[in-house]
Amino acid sequence: MGYQIDLIIPAMLMGGSVVGLAFQLGEKLDHGKSLILWKTLFIPTGFVLAYSILFKEWLVFFVILVFLLVITYLFLSKDGSKKLDKEKIEELKNKMDKCC
C-alpha cells in the first residue's frame, strides 16, 4: 500500500486510449461531418479528462465528461441524412424513368 507511481506511464497510456477512442468513433461519423473538427475537439478534451483522473480533480472530470458526451452525441447522431439520401435516390430513379 502507498506505492510511489510515476504518473508519466499511466498518462501516456491514457493519452493513447483517448487517441484510439477518437479514431474509432471518427470512423462512425457521417460523411457530411468534419473529421478534423471532431478530432480537434475530442482529443485535447480527452487529455484534460485523463489529467483530471490522474490528479483526482473530480469536478473537472465530471464537467469534461459531460462535454465529451454532448459532442459525441452531436457528431454521431443521425440528423435526417438517411432520409435525404432516400429522397435523392427516389428523385434520381424518377428522372431516369422519364429520361429513357
PDB file of N, CA and C in Angstrom:
ATOM      1  N   MET A   1       0.833  -1.176   0.000  1.00  0.00           N
ATOM      2  CA  MET A   1       0.000   0.000   0.000  1.00  0.00           C
ATOM      3  C   MET A   1       0.884   1.247   0.000  1.00  0.00           C
ATOM      4  N   GLY A   2       0.409   2.254  -0.677  1.00  0.00           N
ATOM      5  CA  GLY A   2       1.138   3.510  -0.688  1.00  0.00           C
ATOM      6  C   GLY A   2       2.346   3.503  -1.599  1.00  0.00           C
ATOM      7  N   TYR A   3       2.333   2.703  -2.654  1.00  0.00           N
ATOM      8  CA  TYR A   3       3.458   2.662  -3.579  1.00  0.00           C
ATOM      9  C   TYR A   3       3.556   3.976  -4.338  1.00  0.00           C
ATOM     10  N   GLN A   4       4.772   4.377  -4.627  1.00  0.00           N
ATOM     11  CA  GLN A   4       5.002   5.572  -5.429  1.00  0.00           C
ATOM     12  C   GLN A   4       4.965   5.179  -6.906  1.00  0.00           C
ATOM     13  N   ILE A   5       4.101   5.822  -7.663  1.00  0.00           N
ATOM     14  CA  ILE A   5       3.963   5.533  -9.089  1.00  0.00           C
ATOM     15  C   ILE A   5       4.320   6.797  -9.860  1.00  0.00           C
ATOM     16  N   ASP A   6       5.169   6.630 -10.861  1.00  0.00           N
ATOM     17  CA  ASP A   6       5.480   7.748 -11.745  1.00  0.00           C
ATOM     18  C   ASP A   6       4.280   7.949 -12.666  1.00  0.00           C
ATOM     19  N   LEU A   7       3.653   9.102 -12.591  1.00  0.00           N
ATOM     20  CA  LEU A   7       2.415   9.341 -13.326  1.00  0.00           C
ATOM     21  C   LEU A   7       2.609   9.486 -14.830  1.00  0.00           C
ATOM     22  N   ILE A   8       3.845   9.512 -15.291  1.00  0.00           N
ATOM     23  CA  ILE A   8       4.089   9.631 -16.729  1.00  0.00           C
ATOM     24  C   ILE A   8       3.596   8.385 -17.469  1.00  0.00           C
ATOM     25  N   ILE A   9       3.805   7.216 -16.886  1.00  0.00           N
ATOM     26  CA  ILE A   9       3.408   5.965 -17.544  1.00  0.00           C
ATOM     27  C   ILE A   9       1.883   5.876 -17.716  1.00  0.00           C
ATOM     28  N   PRO A  10       1.085   6.008 -16.645  1.00  0.00           N
ATOM     29  CA  PRO A  10      -0.368   5.952 -16.878  1.00  0.00           C
ATOM     30  C   PRO A  10      -0.869   7.109 -17.739  1.00  0.00           C
ATOM     31  N   ALA A  11      -0.209   8.263 -17.679  1.00  0.00           N
ATOM     32  CA  ALA A  11      -0.616   9.396 -18.521  1.00  0.00           C
ATOM     33  C   ALA A  11      -0.421   9.076 -19.995  1.00  0.00           C
ATOM     34  N   MET A  12       0.697   8.451 -20.335  1.00  0.00           N
ATOM     35  CA  MET A  12       0.935   8.070 -21.728  1.00  0.00           C
ATOM     36  C   MET A  12      -0.085   7.029 -22.186  1.00  0.00           C
ATOM     37  N   LEU A  13      -0.375   6.056 -21.339  1.00  0.00           N
ATOM     38  CA  LEU A  13      -1.343   5.029 -21.692  1.00  0.00           C
ATOM     39  C   LEU A  13      -2.746   5.619 -21.856  1.00  0.00           C
ATOM     40  N   MET A  14      -3.112   6.524 -20.972  1.00  0.00           N
ATOM     41  CA  MET A  14      -4.428   7.148 -21.063  1.00  0.00           C
ATOM     42  C   MET A  14      -4.517   8.045 -22.303  1.00  0.00           C
ATOM     43  N   GLY A  15      -3.434   8.730 -22.624  1.00  0.00           N
ATOM     44  CA  GLY A  15      -3.417   9.559 -23.827  1.00  0.00           C
ATOM     45  C   GLY A  15      -3.582   8.712 -25.082  1.00  0.00           C
ATOM     46  N   GLY A  16      -2.928   7.569 -25.110  1.00  0.00           N
ATOM     47  CA  GLY A  16      -3.089   6.655 -26.237  1.00  0.00           C
ATOM     48  C   GLY A  16      -4.509   6.131 -26.342  1.00  0.00           C
ATOM     49  N   SER A  17      -5.131   5.914 -25.209  1.00  0.00           N
ATOM     50  CA  SER A  17      -6.527   5.456 -25.209  1.00  0.00           C
ATOM     51  C   SER A  17      -7.461   6.530 -25.757  1.00  0.00           C
ATOM     52  N   VAL A  18      -7.193   7.785 -25.403  1.00  0.00           N
ATOM     53  CA  VAL A  18      -8.011   8.892 -25.906  1.00  0.00           C
ATOM     54  C   VAL A  18      -7.898   8.981 -27.424  1.00  0.00           C
ATOM     55  N   VAL A  19      -6.683   8.901 -27.936  1.00  0.00           N
ATOM     56  CA  VAL A  19      -6.473   8.990 -29.385  1.00  0.00           C
ATOM     57  C   VAL A  19      -7.119   7.798 -30.089  1.00  0.00           C
ATOM     58  N   GLY A  20      -6.982   6.607 -29.524  1.00  0.00           N
ATOM     59  CA  GLY A  20      -7.605   5.424 -30.113  1.00  0.00           C
ATOM     60  C   GLY A  20      -9.119   5.519 -30.122  1.00  0.00           C
ATOM     61  N   LEU A  21      -9.686   6.027 -29.053  1.00  0.00           N
ATOM     62  CA  LEU A  21     -11.136   6.199 -28.983  1.00  0.00           C
ATOM     63  C   LEU A  21     -11.605   7.234 -30.001  1.00  0.00           C
ATOM     64  N   ALA A  22     -10.859   8.320 -30.143  1.00  0.00           N
ATOM     65  CA  ALA A  22     -11.212   9.340 -31.139  1.00  0.00           C
ATOM     66  C   ALA A  22     -11.169   8.751 -32.545  1.00  0.00           C
ATOM     67  N   PHE A  23     -10.176   7.918 -32.819  1.00  0.00           N
ATOM     68  CA  PHE A  23     -10.061   7.287 -34.130  1.00  0.00           C
ATOM     69  C   PHE A  23     -11.228   6.336 -34.388  1.00  0.00           C
ATOM     70  N   GLN A  24     -11.543   5.491 -33.405  1.00  0.00           N
ATOM     71  CA  GLN A  24     -12.623   4.510 -33.574  1.00  0.00           C
ATOM     72  C   GLN A  24     -13.977   5.188 -33.741  1.00  0.00           C
ATOM     73  N   LEU A  25     -14.249   6.217 -32.940  1.00  0.00           N
ATOM     74  CA  LEU A  25     -15.520   6.919 -33.066  1.00  0.00           C
ATOM     75  C   LEU A  25     -15.559   7.758 -34.339  1.00  0.00           C
ATOM     76  N   GLY A  26     -14.399   8.251 -34.774  1.00  0.00           N
ATOM     77  CA  GLY A  26     -14.329   9.042 -36.002  1.00  0.00           C
ATOM     78  C   GLY A  26     -14.709   8.246 -37.222  1.00  0.00           C
ATOM     79  N   GLU A  27     -14.490   6.936 -37.191  1.00  0.00           N
ATOM     80  CA  GLU A  27     -14.879   6.080 -38.312  1.00  0.00           C
ATOM     81  C   GLU A  27     -16.391   5.959 -38.439  1.00  0.00           C
ATOM     82  N   LYS A  28     -17.123   6.246 -37.373  1.00  0.00           N
ATOM     83  CA  LYS A  28     -18.578   6.124 -37.387  1.00  0.00           C
ATOM     84  C   LYS A  28     -19.274   7.426 -37.779  1.00  0.00           C
ATOM     85  N   LEU A  29     -18.511   8.484 -38.026  1.00  0.00           N
ATOM     86  CA  LEU A  29     -19.110   9.767 -38.387  1.00  0.00           C
ATOM     87  C   LEU A  29     -19.761   9.702 -39.760  1.00  0.00           C
ATOM     88  N   ASP A  30     -20.821  10.485 -39.928  1.00  0.00           N
ATOM     89  CA  ASP A  30     -21.431  10.635 -41.248  1.00  0.00           C
ATOM     90  C   ASP A  30     -20.451  11.346 -42.156  1.00  0.00           C
ATOM     91  N   HIS A  31     -20.613  11.150 -43.456  1.00  0.00           N
ATOM     92  CA  HIS A  31     -19.692  11.771 -44.413  1.00  0.00           C
ATOM     93  C   HIS A  31     -19.788  13.285 -44.408  1.00  0.00           C
ATOM     94  N   GLY A  32     -20.907  13.831 -44.003  1.00  0.00           N
ATOM     95  CA  GLY A  32     -21.087  15.282 -44.023  1.00  0.00           C
ATOM     96  C   GLY A  32     -20.457  15.989 -42.833  1.00  0.00           C
ATOM     97  N   LYS A  33     -19.970  15.246 -41.860  1.00  0.00           N
ATOM     98  CA  LYS A  33     -19.428  15.868 -40.651  1.00  0.00           C
ATOM     99  C   LYS A  33     -17.911  15.870 -40.706  1.00  0.00           C
ATOM    100  N   SER A  34     -17.331  16.906 -40.131  1.00  0.00           N
ATOM    101  CA  SER A  34     -15.888  17.133 -40.231  1.00  0.00           C
ATOM    102  C   SER A  34     -15.102  16.245 -39.269  1.00  0.00           C
ATOM    103  N   LEU A  35     -14.266  15.390 -39.818  1.00  0.00           N
ATOM    104  CA  LEU A  35     -13.412  14.517 -39.014  1.00  0.00           C
ATOM    105  C   LEU A  35     -12.338  15.331 -38.292  1.00  0.00           C
ATOM    106  N   ILE A  36     -11.823  16.355 -38.970  1.00  0.00           N
ATOM    107  CA  ILE A  36     -10.794  17.206 -38.348  1.00  0.00           C
ATOM    108  C   ILE A  36     -11.367  17.946 -37.141  1.00  0.00           C
ATOM    109  N   LEU A  37     -12.570  18.498 -37.294  1.00  0.00           N
ATOM    110  CA  LEU A  37     -13.205  19.204 -36.170  1.00  0.00           C
ATOM    111  C   LEU A  37     -13.469  18.238 -35.021  1.00  0.00           C
ATOM    112  N   TRP A  38     -13.925  17.029 -35.351  1.00  0.00           N
ATOM    113  CA  TRP A  38     -14.175  16.011 -34.330  1.00  0.00           C
ATOM    114  C   TRP A  38     -12.911  15.731 -33.516  1.00  0.00           C
ATOM    115  N   LYS A  39     -11.810  15.469 -34.212  1.00  0.00           N
ATOM    116  CA  LYS A  39     -10.573  15.149 -33.506  1.00  0.00           C
ATOM    117  C   LYS A  39     -10.010  16.356 -32.767  1.00  0.00           C
ATOM    118  N   THR A  40     -10.186  17.550 -33.325  1.00  0.00           N
ATOM    119  CA  THR A  40      -9.700  18.770 -32.675  1.00  0.00           C
ATOM    120  C   THR A  40     -10.439  19.028 -31.366  1.00  0.00           C
ATOM    121  N   LEU A  41     -11.707  18.707 -31.320  1.00  0.00           N
ATOM    122  CA  LEU A  41     -12.464  18.884 -30.077  1.00  0.00           C
ATOM    123  C   LEU A  41     -12.261  17.721 -29.111  1.00  0.00           C
ATOM    124  N   PHE A  42     -12.265  16.503 -29.627  1.00  0.00           N
ATOM    125  CA  PHE A  42     -12.273  15.323 -28.763  1.00  0.00           C
ATOM    126  C   PHE A  42     -10.922  15.048 -28.099  1.00  0.00           C
ATOM    127  N   ILE A  43      -9.842  15.113 -28.851  1.00  0.00           N
ATOM    128  CA  ILE A  43      -8.551  14.685 -28.315  1.00  0.00           C
ATOM    129  C   ILE A  43      -8.040  15.601 -27.190  1.00  0.00           C
ATOM    130  N   PRO A  44      -7.957  16.926 -27.381  1.00  0.00           N
ATOM    131  CA  PRO A  44      -7.486  17.750 -26.254  1.00  0.00           C
ATOM    132  C   PRO A  44      -8.409  17.680 -25.035  1.00  0.00           C
ATOM    133  N   THR A  45      -9.713  17.598 -25.284  1.00  0.00           N
ATOM    134  CA  THR A  45     -10.646  17.488 -24.163  1.00  0.00           C
ATOM    135  C   THR A  45     -10.474  16.150 -23.458  1.00  0.00           C
ATOM    136  N   GLY A  46     -10.212  15.104 -24.218  1.00  0.00           N
ATOM    137  CA  GLY A  46      -9.944  13.792 -23.623  1.00  0.00           C
ATOM    138  C   GLY A  46      -8.670  13.790 -22.793  1.00  0.00           C
ATOM    139  N   PHE A  47      -7.662  14.554 -23.244  1.00  0.00           N
ATOM    140  CA  PHE A  47      -6.433  14.678 -22.458  1.00  0.00           C
ATOM    141  C   PHE A  47      -6.715  15.366 -21.121  1.00  0.00           C
ATOM    142  N   VAL A  48      -7.558  16.386 -21.142  1.00  0.00           N
ATOM    143  CA  VAL A  48      -7.929  17.072 -19.892  1.00  0.00           C
ATOM    144  C   VAL A  48      -8.683  16.111 -18.980  1.00  0.00           C
ATOM    145  N   LEU A  49      -9.530  15.276 -19.563  1.00  0.00           N
ATOM    146  CA  LEU A  49     -10.250  14.278 -18.788  1.00  0.00           C
ATOM    147  C   LEU A  49      -9.277  13.300 -18.124  1.00  0.00           C
ATOM    148  N   ALA A  50      -8.298  12.823 -18.880  1.00  0.00           N
ATOM    149  CA  ALA A  50      -7.302  11.900 -18.331  1.00  0.00           C
ATOM    150  C   ALA A  50      -6.485  12.578 -17.231  1.00  0.00           C
ATOM    151  N   TYR A  51      -6.115  13.836 -17.452  1.00  0.00           N
ATOM    152  CA  TYR A  51      -5.361  14.601 -16.448  1.00  0.00           C
ATOM    153  C   TYR A  51      -6.172  14.720 -15.160  1.00  0.00           C
ATOM    154  N   SER A  52      -7.474  14.994 -15.316  1.00  0.00           N
ATOM    155  CA  SER A  52      -8.312  15.166 -14.125  1.00  0.00           C
ATOM    156  C   SER A  52      -8.442  13.857 -13.346  1.00  0.00           C
ATOM    157  N   ILE A  53      -8.390  12.733 -14.031  1.00  0.00           N
ATOM    158  CA  ILE A  53      -8.428  11.443 -13.329  1.00  0.00           C
ATOM    159  C   ILE A  53      -7.135  11.226 -12.558  1.00  0.00           C
ATOM    160  N   LEU A  54      -5.998  11.492 -13.206  1.00  0.00           N
ATOM    161  CA  LEU A  54      -4.706  11.251 -12.562  1.00  0.00           C
ATOM    162  C   LEU A  54      -4.502  12.114 -11.320  1.00  0.00           C
ATOM    163  N   PHE A  55      -4.987  13.349 -11.372  1.00  0.00           N
ATOM    164  CA  PHE A  55      -4.779  14.255 -10.248  1.00  0.00           C
ATOM    165  C   PHE A  55      -6.023  14.416  -9.378  1.00  0.00           C
ATOM    166  N   LYS A  56      -6.990  13.520  -9.584  1.00  0.00           N
ATOM    167  CA  LYS A  56      -8.192  13.430  -8.755  1.00  0.00           C
ATOM    168  C   LYS A  56      -8.943  14.759  -8.661  1.00  0.00           C
ATOM    169  N   GLU A  57      -9.103  15.403  -9.802  1.00  0.00           N
ATOM    170  CA  GLU A  57      -9.896  16.623  -9.904  1.00  0.00           C
ATOM    171  C   GLU A  57     -11.291  16.216 -10.373  1.00  0.00           C
ATOM    172  N   TRP A  58     -12.144  15.805  -9.434  1.00  0.00           N
ATOM    173  CA  TRP A  58     -13.403  15.171  -9.795  1.00  0.00           C
ATOM    174  C   TRP A  58     -14.415  16.133 -10.400  1.00  0.00           C
ATOM    175  N   LEU A  59     -14.418  17.380  -9.981  1.00  0.00           N
ATOM    176  CA  LEU A  59     -15.330  18.351 -10.579  1.00  0.00           C
ATOM    177  C   LEU A  59     -14.984  18.570 -12.052  1.00  0.00           C
ATOM    178  N   VAL A  60     -13.697  18.744 -12.332  1.00  0.00           N
ATOM    179  CA  VAL A  60     -13.246  18.901 -13.723  1.00  0.00           C
ATOM    180  C   VAL A  60     -13.586  17.649 -14.515  1.00  0.00           C
ATOM    181  N   PHE A  61     -13.381  16.484 -13.912  1.00  0.00           N
ATOM    182  CA  PHE A  61     -13.674  15.216 -14.577  1.00  0.00           C
ATOM    183  C   PHE A  61     -15.130  15.155 -15.038  1.00  0.00           C
ATOM    184  N   PHE A  62     -16.068  15.468 -14.141  1.00  0.00           N
ATOM    185  CA  PHE A  62     -17.479  15.353 -14.495  1.00  0.00           C
ATOM    186  C   PHE A  62     -17.910  16.411 -15.516  1.00  0.00           C
ATOM    187  N   VAL A  63     -17.374  17.615 -15.417  1.00  0.00           N
ATOM    188  CA  VAL A  63     -17.700  18.659 -16.395  1.00  0.00           C
ATOM    189  C   VAL A  63     -17.204  18.262 -17.780  1.00  0.00           C
ATOM    190  N   ILE A  64     -15.968  17.800 -17.858  1.00  0.00           N
ATOM    191  CA  ILE A  64     -15.391  17.397 -19.144  1.00  0.00           C
ATOM    192  C   ILE A  64     -16.087  16.155 -19.683  1.00  0.00           C
ATOM    193  N   LEU A  65     -16.434  15.235 -18.812  1.00  0.00           N
ATOM    194  CA  LEU A  65     -17.145  14.034 -19.246  1.00  0.00           C
ATOM    195  C   LEU A  65     -18.482  14.394 -19.892  1.00  0.00           C
ATOM    196  N   VAL A  66     -19.222  15.301 -19.268  1.00  0.00           N
ATOM    197  CA  VAL A  66     -20.496  15.743 -19.849  1.00  0.00           C
ATOM    198  C   VAL A  66     -20.253  16.404 -21.202  1.00  0.00           C
ATOM    199  N   PHE A  67     -19.222  17.254 -21.293  1.00  0.00           N
ATOM    200  CA  PHE A  67     -18.908  17.912 -22.561  1.00  0.00           C
ATOM    201  C   PHE A  67     -18.576  16.877 -23.641  1.00  0.00           C
ATOM    202  N   LEU A  68     -17.766  15.880 -23.304  1.00  0.00           N
ATOM    203  CA  LEU A  68     -17.417  14.844 -24.277  1.00  0.00           C
ATOM    204  C   LEU A  68     -18.642  14.046 -24.718  1.00  0.00           C
ATOM    205  N   LEU A  69     -19.526  13.746 -23.790  1.00  0.00           N
ATOM    206  CA  LEU A  69     -20.739  13.013 -24.153  1.00  0.00           C
ATOM    207  C   LEU A  69     -21.624  13.840 -25.082  1.00  0.00           C
ATOM    208  N   VAL A  70     -21.703  15.146 -24.826  1.00  0.00           N
ATOM    209  CA  VAL A  70     -22.527  16.014 -25.671  1.00  0.00           C
ATOM    210  C   VAL A  70     -21.957  16.102 -27.080  1.00  0.00           C
ATOM    211  N   ILE A  71     -20.637  16.351 -27.202  1.00  0.00           N
ATOM    212  CA  ILE A  71     -20.079  16.470 -28.555  1.00  0.00           C
ATOM    213  C   ILE A  71     -20.105  15.126 -29.280  1.00  0.00           C
ATOM    214  N   THR A  72     -19.951  14.037 -28.542  1.00  0.00           N
ATOM    215  CA  THR A  72     -20.043  12.719 -29.165  1.00  0.00           C
ATOM    216  C   THR A  72     -21.454  12.484 -29.697  1.00  0.00           C
ATOM    217  N   TYR A  73     -22.442  12.851 -28.902  1.00  0.00           N
ATOM    218  CA  TYR A  73     -23.824  12.710 -29.353  1.00  0.00           C
ATOM    219  C   TYR A  73     -24.084  13.578 -30.582  1.00  0.00           C
ATOM    220  N   LEU A  74     -23.620  14.818 -30.553  1.00  0.00           N
ATOM    221  CA  LEU A  74     -23.852  15.722 -31.677  1.00  0.00           C
ATOM    222  C   LEU A  74     -23.196  15.231 -32.964  1.00  0.00           C
ATOM    223  N   PHE A  75     -21.993  14.697 -32.848  1.00  0.00           N
ATOM    224  CA  PHE A  75     -21.289  14.246 -34.040  1.00  0.00           C
ATOM    225  C   PHE A  75     -21.790  12.893 -34.551  1.00  0.00           C
ATOM    226  N   LEU A  76     -22.227  12.030 -33.657  1.00  0.00           N
ATOM    227  CA  LEU A  76     -22.625  10.691 -34.083  1.00  0.00           C
ATOM    228  C   LEU A  76     -24.120  10.543 -34.330  1.00  0.00           C
ATOM    229  N   SER A  77     -24.909  11.548 -33.964  1.00  0.00           N
ATOM    230  CA  SER A  77     -26.351  11.442 -34.155  1.00  0.00           C
ATOM    231  C   SER A  77     -26.702  11.535 -35.628  1.00  0.00           C
ATOM    232  N   LYS A  78     -27.710  10.811 -36.000  1.00  0.00           N
ATOM    233  CA  LYS A  78     -28.221  10.837 -37.377  1.00  0.00           C
ATOM    234  C   LYS A  78     -29.227  11.975 -37.449  1.00  0.00           C
ATOM    235  N   ASP A  79     -28.943  12.970 -38.249  1.00  0.00           N
ATOM    236  CA  ASP A  79     -29.815  14.145 -38.308  1.00  0.00           C
ATOM    237  C   ASP A  79     -30.638  14.190 -39.588  1.00  0.00           C
ATOM    238  N   GLY A  80     -31.169  13.069 -39.950  1.00  0.00           N
ATOM    239  CA  GLY A  80     -32.022  13.040 -41.130  1.00  0.00           C
ATOM    240  C   GLY A  80     -31.265  12.864 -42.432  1.00  0.00           C
ATOM    241  N   SER A  81     -29.975  12.608 -42.383  1.00  0.00           N
ATOM    242  CA  SER A  81     -29.207  12.464 -43.619  1.00  0.00           C
ATOM    243  C   SER A  81     -29.641  11.221 -44.391  1.00  0.00           C
ATOM    244  N   LYS A  82     -30.085  10.184 -43.702  1.00  0.00           N
ATOM    245  CA  LYS A  82     -30.571   8.982 -44.381  1.00  0.00           C
ATOM    246  C   LYS A  82     -31.855   9.301 -45.149  1.00  0.00           C
ATOM    247  N   LYS A  83     -32.712  10.119 -44.551  1.00  0.00           N
ATOM    248  CA  LYS A  83     -33.948  10.499 -45.211  1.00  0.00           C
ATOM    249  C   LYS A  83     -33.649  11.277 -46.484  1.00  0.00           C
ATOM    250  N   LEU A  84     -32.679  12.180 -46.400  1.00  0.00           N
ATOM    251  CA  LEU A  84     -32.295  12.939 -47.585  1.00  0.00           C
ATOM    252  C   LEU A  84     -31.750  12.011 -48.664  1.00  0.00           C
ATOM    253  N   ASP A  85     -30.952  11.054 -48.263  1.00  0.00           N
ATOM    254  CA  ASP A  85     -30.393  10.113 -49.229  1.00  0.00           C
ATOM    255  C   ASP A  85     -31.511   9.330 -49.931  1.00  0.00           C
ATOM    256  N   LYS A  86     -32.498   8.881 -49.191  1.00  0.00           N
ATOM    257  CA  LYS A  86     -33.595   8.130 -49.785  1.00  0.00           C
ATOM    258  C   LYS A  86     -34.387   9.004 -50.748  1.00  0.00           C
ATOM    259  N   GLU A  87     -34.594  10.261 -50.352  1.00  0.00           N
ATOM    260  CA  GLU A  87     -35.319  11.176 -51.230  1.00  0.00           C
ATOM    261  C   GLU A  87     -34.546  11.427 -52.520  1.00  0.00           C
ATOM    262  N   LYS A  88     -33.261  11.593 -52.430  1.00  0.00           N
ATOM    263  CA  LYS A  88     -32.441  11.817 -53.619  1.00  0.00           C
ATOM    264  C   LYS A  88     -32.438  10.588 -54.527  1.00  0.00           C
ATOM    265  N   ILE A  89     -32.399   9.419 -53.928  1.00  0.00           N
ATOM    266  CA  ILE A  89     -32.417   8.180 -54.713  1.00  0.00           C
ATOM    267  C   ILE A  89     -33.730   8.079 -55.486  1.00  0.00           C
ATOM    268  N   GLU A  90     -34.845   8.353 -54.797  1.00  0.00           N
ATOM    269  CA  GLU A  90     -36.142   8.290 -55.468  1.00  0.00           C
ATOM    270  C   GLU A  90     -36.232   9.323 -56.589  1.00  0.00           C
ATOM    271  N   GLU A  91     -35.695  10.516 -56.343  1.00  0.00           N
ATOM    272  CA  GLU A  91     -35.705  11.571 -57.356  1.00  0.00           C
ATOM    273  C   GLU A  91     -34.891  11.155 -58.580  1.00  0.00           C
ATOM    274  N   LEU A  92     -33.727  10.572 -58.347  1.00  0.00           N
ATOM    275  CA  LEU A  92     -32.899  10.105 -59.467  1.00  0.00           C
ATOM    276  C   LEU A  92     -33.576   8.976 -60.232  1.00  0.00           C
ATOM    277  N   LYS A  93     -34.243   8.065 -59.536  1.00  0.00           N
ATOM    278  CA  LYS A  93     -34.972   6.989 -60.201  1.00  0.00           C
ATOM    279  C   LYS A  93     -36.060   7.557 -61.114  1.00  0.00           C
ATOM    280  N   ASN A  94     -36.791   8.533 -60.599  1.00  0.00           N
ATOM    281  CA  ASN A  94     -37.854   9.153 -61.401  1.00  0.00           C
ATOM    282  C   ASN A  94     -37.285   9.854 -62.628  1.00  0.00           C
ATOM    283  N   LYS A  95     -36.183  10.533 -62.476  1.00  0.00           N
ATOM    284  CA  LYS A  95     -35.553  11.219 -63.616  1.00  0.00           C
ATOM    285  C   LYS A  95     -35.080  10.215 -64.664  1.00  0.00           C
ATOM    286  N   MET A  96     -34.539   9.085 -64.205  1.00  0.00           N
ATOM    287  CA  MET A  96     -34.069   8.065 -65.147  1.00  0.00           C
ATOM    288  C   MET A  96     -35.232   7.413 -65.880  1.00  0.00           C
ATOM    289  N   ASP A  97     -36.344   7.205 -65.169  1.00  0.00           N
ATOM    290  CA  ASP A  97     -37.526   6.635 -65.816  1.00  0.00           C
ATOM    291  C   ASP A  97     -38.071   7.557 -66.890  1.00  0.00           C
ATOM    292  N   LYS A  98     -38.080   8.842 -66.609  1.00  0.00           N
ATOM    293  CA  LYS A  98     -38.576   9.824 -67.574  1.00  0.00           C
ATOM    294  C   LYS A  98     -37.604  10.025 -68.739  1.00  0.00           C
ATOM    295  N   CYS A  99     -36.362   9.812 -68.469  1.00  0.00           N
ATOM    296  CA  CYS A  99     -35.327  10.028 -69.474  1.00  0.00           C
ATOM    297  C   CYS A  99     -35.440   9.051 -70.631  1.00  0.00           C
ATOM    298  N   CYS A 100     -35.536   7.783 -70.326  1.00  0.00           N
ATOM    299  CA  CYS A 100     -35.422   6.769 -71.391  1.00  0.00           C
ATOM    300  C   CYS A 100     -36.685   5.984 -71.597  1.00  0.00           C
TER     301      CYS A 100
END
